[in-house]
Amino acid sequence: MKKVFTTSKKMTAAVTAGLLILLSACTPINSAATVGKTTISIDKVQKTVDEMLSERTKVTTTGMTLDTGEVLNRNQVTFFVISELLYQLGTSHKIKVTEQEVSDEIKKITTQVGGSAKLPAALVNAGIAPQNIREYFRTYLMSAKISNALLSSGVSSAEVSTAVQKLVADEADKLKVSINPRYGTWDSANATIVAGKLAAGSVKK
């Protein structure tokens, strides 16, 4: 009986290992996601999550609705993927966001929230890690410029959001997006990452 049990455990381990290899075949083992030739590392995602959790301990979070666990991790991977897709979309359509524009936007937002002393709490509430603030606003500005370009081409204001989403989805299909199963799966129709079977309980809370 002991021999049968041992053999069964070995078979289960082999099947599990094979499944994990199959699921991660399209994504490097140290990668949270790939967008075309661009790799978003697990380390980058984890450092972002760690910083966000640390920043929450420094401000009053009463009244804030904050992501946790797999949702927090998945949303950060989604941000990095969408950021890269918008960058590639802008490049192919010759739309640029300058460093000065990013700096000006950060300055404007800092003033709007009541100054630099209140910026940390505003970032926590918005789900933005300080280390990613420039990338966040670069992505925001790129999205705004693409929206304005669509409006100028005749797309109505009521349809522009859907039009941008379709452009991002089409860019994802062109470049090919691969997500590490621990974070979920790519939903090409809605250009986002949705929870997968391996996501729950597989990432840091």
Protein backbone atom coordinates (compact mmCIF):
# COMPACT_ATOMS: atom_id res chain seq x y z
CA MET A 1 0.00 0.00 0.00
CA LYS A 2 2.83 2.41 0.86
CA LYS A 3 4.43 1.77 -2.53
CA VAL A 4 1.15 2.49 -4.35
CA PHE A 5 0.70 5.71 -2.37
CA THR A 6 4.25 6.83 -3.18
CA THR A 7 3.76 6.06 -6.87
CA SER A 8 0.49 7.98 -6.87
CA LYS A 9 2.17 11.04 -5.30
CA LYS A 10 4.91 10.92 -7.93
CA MET A 11 2.34 10.76 -10.73
CA THR A 12 0.39 13.67 -9.25
CA ALA A 13 3.57 15.73 -8.94
CA ALA A 14 4.51 14.95 -12.54
CA VAL A 15 1.07 15.92 -13.85
CA THR A 16 1.09 19.15 -11.82
CA ALA A 17 4.57 20.05 -13.05
CA GLY A 18 3.53 19.33 -16.62
CA LEU A 19 0.45 21.55 -16.26
CA LEU A 20 2.49 24.45 -14.91
CA ILE A 21 5.00 24.12 -17.75
CA LEU A 22 2.16 24.10 -20.28
CA LEU A 23 0.48 27.15 -18.78
CA SER A 24 3.68 29.16 -18.62
CA ALA A 25 5.05 28.01 -21.97
CA CYS A 26 4.30 31.32 -23.67
CA THR A 27 5.56 33.46 -20.78
CA PRO A 28 9.12 33.39 -19.37
CA ILE A 29 9.20 31.97 -15.84
CA ASN A 30 10.34 35.29 -14.31
CA SER A 31 7.81 37.30 -16.30
CA ALA A 32 4.46 38.61 -15.13
CA ALA A 33 3.51 39.39 -18.72
CA THR A 34 4.89 39.95 -22.19
CA VAL A 35 3.67 42.46 -24.74
CA GLY A 36 5.29 41.70 -28.07
CA LYS A 37 9.01 41.80 -27.35
CA THR A 38 8.59 43.69 -24.08
CA THR A 39 8.76 41.74 -20.82
CA ILE A 40 7.15 42.93 -17.59
CA SER A 41 8.98 41.16 -14.78
CA ILE A 42 7.45 39.66 -11.67
CA ASP A 43 10.02 41.63 -9.69
CA LYS A 44 8.73 44.92 -11.11
CA VAL A 45 5.17 44.04 -10.17
CA GLN A 46 6.15 42.88 -6.68
CA LYS A 47 8.20 46.02 -5.97
CA THR A 48 5.23 48.11 -7.01
CA VAL A 49 2.85 46.18 -4.75
CA ASP A 50 5.31 46.29 -1.84
CA GLU A 51 5.68 50.06 -2.18
CA MET A 52 1.92 50.57 -2.37
CA LEU A 53 1.38 48.54 0.80
CA SER A 54 4.16 50.45 2.53
CA GLU A 55 2.71 53.82 1.51
CA ARG A 56 -0.65 52.84 3.00
CA THR A 57 0.94 52.65 6.45
CA LYS A 58 2.09 56.27 6.20
CA VAL A 59 -1.29 57.92 5.54
CA THR A 60 -4.83 57.79 6.89
CA THR A 61 -6.78 55.39 4.69
CA THR A 62 -10.16 55.79 6.37
CA GLY A 63 -12.88 55.95 3.73
CA MET A 64 -10.62 54.66 0.95
CA THR A 65 -11.51 51.56 -1.06
CA LEU A 66 -8.19 49.84 -1.65
CA ASP A 67 -7.36 46.74 -3.65
CA THR A 68 -5.75 43.81 -1.84
CA GLY A 69 -4.38 40.36 -2.60
CA GLU A 70 -4.74 38.97 -6.11
CA VAL A 71 -6.85 41.94 -7.24
CA LEU A 72 -4.08 44.37 -6.31
CA ASN A 73 -1.46 42.28 -8.10
CA ARG A 74 -3.62 41.72 -11.17
CA ASN A 75 -4.50 45.40 -11.48
CA GLN A 76 -0.83 46.38 -11.38
CA VAL A 77 0.04 43.90 -14.13
CA THR A 78 -2.92 45.26 -16.11
CA PHE A 79 -1.59 48.79 -15.70
CA PHE A 80 1.86 47.85 -17.02
CA VAL A 81 0.36 45.95 -19.97
CA ILE A 82 -2.02 48.78 -20.94
CA SER A 83 0.79 51.31 -20.50
CA GLU A 84 2.97 49.39 -22.96
CA LEU A 85 0.11 48.91 -25.42
CA LEU A 86 -0.71 52.64 -25.40
CA TYR A 87 2.98 53.48 -25.84
CA GLN A 88 3.22 51.16 -28.85
CA LEU A 89 -0.06 52.52 -30.22
CA GLY A 90 1.22 56.07 -29.89
CA THR A 91 4.50 55.15 -31.57
CA SER A 92 2.74 53.58 -34.56
CA HIS A 93 0.56 56.70 -34.95
CA LYS A 94 3.42 59.15 -34.28
CA ILE A 95 1.87 60.46 -31.08
CA LYS A 96 4.36 61.43 -28.39
CA VAL A 97 4.24 62.46 -24.75
CA THR A 98 7.23 64.52 -23.65
CA GLU A 99 8.93 64.40 -20.25
CA GLN A 100 8.01 68.06 -19.79
CA GLU A 101 4.34 67.27 -20.36
CA VAL A 102 4.54 64.55 -17.71
CA SER A 103 6.23 66.93 -15.25
CA ASP A 104 3.63 69.62 -15.93
CA GLU A 105 0.79 67.14 -15.35
CA ILE A 106 2.29 65.95 -12.05
CA LYS A 107 2.69 69.57 -10.96
CA LYS A 108 -0.93 70.32 -11.88
CA ILE A 109 -2.26 67.29 -10.02
CA THR A 110 -0.12 68.07 -6.98
CA THR A 111 -1.68 71.53 -6.84
CA GLN A 112 -5.18 70.11 -7.28
CA VAL A 113 -4.84 67.72 -4.32
CA GLY A 114 -3.62 70.48 -2.03
CA GLY A 115 0.17 70.38 -2.35
CA SER A 116 3.04 67.92 -2.05
CA ALA A 117 2.19 67.13 1.59
CA LYS A 118 -1.15 65.68 0.50
CA LEU A 119 0.12 63.94 -2.63
CA PRO A 120 1.07 60.64 -0.89
CA ALA A 121 -2.48 60.10 0.37
CA ALA A 122 -3.88 60.99 -3.06
CA LEU A 123 -1.60 58.42 -4.69
CA VAL A 124 -2.62 55.75 -2.20
CA ASN A 125 -6.30 56.47 -2.84
CA ALA A 126 -5.74 56.34 -6.61
CA GLY A 127 -3.74 53.10 -6.41
CA ILE A 128 -0.52 54.60 -7.78
CA ALA A 129 2.91 53.61 -6.47
CA PRO A 130 5.22 56.64 -6.15
CA GLN A 131 7.86 54.88 -8.26
CA ASN A 132 5.35 54.65 -11.11
CA ILE A 133 3.96 58.17 -10.97
CA ARG A 134 5.68 59.30 -14.15
CA GLU A 135 4.66 56.18 -16.06
CA TYR A 136 1.10 56.58 -14.80
CA PHE A 137 0.78 60.16 -16.05
CA ARG A 138 2.63 59.36 -19.28
CA THR A 139 0.03 56.66 -19.89
CA TYR A 140 -2.80 59.01 -18.95
CA LEU A 141 -1.55 61.70 -21.33
CA MET A 142 -1.05 59.22 -24.15
CA SER A 143 -4.62 57.99 -23.71
CA ALA A 144 -5.86 61.60 -23.73
CA LYS A 145 -3.92 62.41 -26.91
CA ILE A 146 -5.23 59.33 -28.69
CA SER A 147 -8.76 60.27 -27.58
CA ASN A 148 -8.30 63.80 -28.92
CA ALA A 149 -7.00 62.41 -32.22
CA LEU A 150 -10.11 60.26 -32.53
CA LEU A 151 -12.36 63.22 -31.74
CA SER A 152 -10.60 65.24 -34.42
CA SER A 153 -11.18 62.42 -36.91
CA GLY A 154 -14.93 62.59 -36.34
CA VAL A 155 -15.53 60.04 -33.56
CA SER A 156 -18.20 61.35 -31.17
CA SER A 157 -17.41 62.05 -27.54
CA ALA A 158 -19.89 59.34 -26.54
CA GLU A 159 -18.00 56.74 -28.58
CA VAL A 160 -14.40 57.80 -28.01
CA SER A 161 -13.82 55.65 -24.92
CA THR A 162 -15.01 52.52 -26.74
CA ALA A 163 -12.92 53.48 -29.76
CA VAL A 164 -9.75 53.78 -27.64
CA GLN A 165 -10.45 50.40 -26.03
CA LYS A 166 -10.82 48.81 -29.46
CA LEU A 167 -7.54 50.34 -30.64
CA VAL A 168 -5.80 48.96 -27.56
CA ALA A 169 -7.39 45.54 -28.08
CA ASP A 170 -6.34 45.53 -31.74
CA GLU A 171 -2.79 46.51 -30.76
CA ALA A 172 -2.73 43.66 -28.24
CA ASP A 173 -3.85 41.21 -30.92
CA LYS A 174 -1.14 42.48 -33.24
CA LEU A 175 1.69 42.39 -30.69
CA LYS A 176 0.45 39.30 -28.82
CA VAL A 177 -0.06 39.60 -25.06
CA SER A 178 0.85 36.73 -22.74
CA ILE A 179 0.03 36.74 -19.01
CA ASN A 180 1.61 34.59 -16.31
CA PRO A 181 -1.27 32.36 -15.07
CA ARG A 182 -0.62 33.38 -11.45
CA TYR A 183 -2.07 36.82 -12.32
CA GLY A 184 -4.95 35.70 -14.53
CA THR A 185 -5.65 35.55 -18.26
CA TRP A 186 -5.81 38.14 -21.01
CA ASP A 187 -9.33 39.11 -22.12
CA SER A 188 -8.74 40.31 -25.68
CA ALA A 189 -12.32 41.50 -26.19
CA ASN A 190 -12.15 43.95 -23.27
CA ALA A 191 -8.37 44.56 -23.32
CA THR A 192 -7.86 43.63 -19.67
CA ILE A 193 -6.68 40.83 -17.39
CA VAL A 194 -9.31 38.70 -15.68
CA ALA A 195 -8.91 36.29 -12.78
CA GLY A 196 -7.79 32.81 -13.71
CA LYS A 197 -7.92 29.50 -11.83
CA LEU A 198 -4.32 29.84 -10.63
CA ALA A 199 -4.65 33.47 -9.53
CA ALA A 200 -6.43 32.97 -6.20
CA GLY A 201 -3.99 32.44 -3.36
CA SER A 202 -0.94 32.44 -5.63
CA VAL A 203 0.26 35.99 -5.02
CA LYS A 204 1.30 38.07 -2.06
CA LYS A 205 -1.54 39.63 -0.10
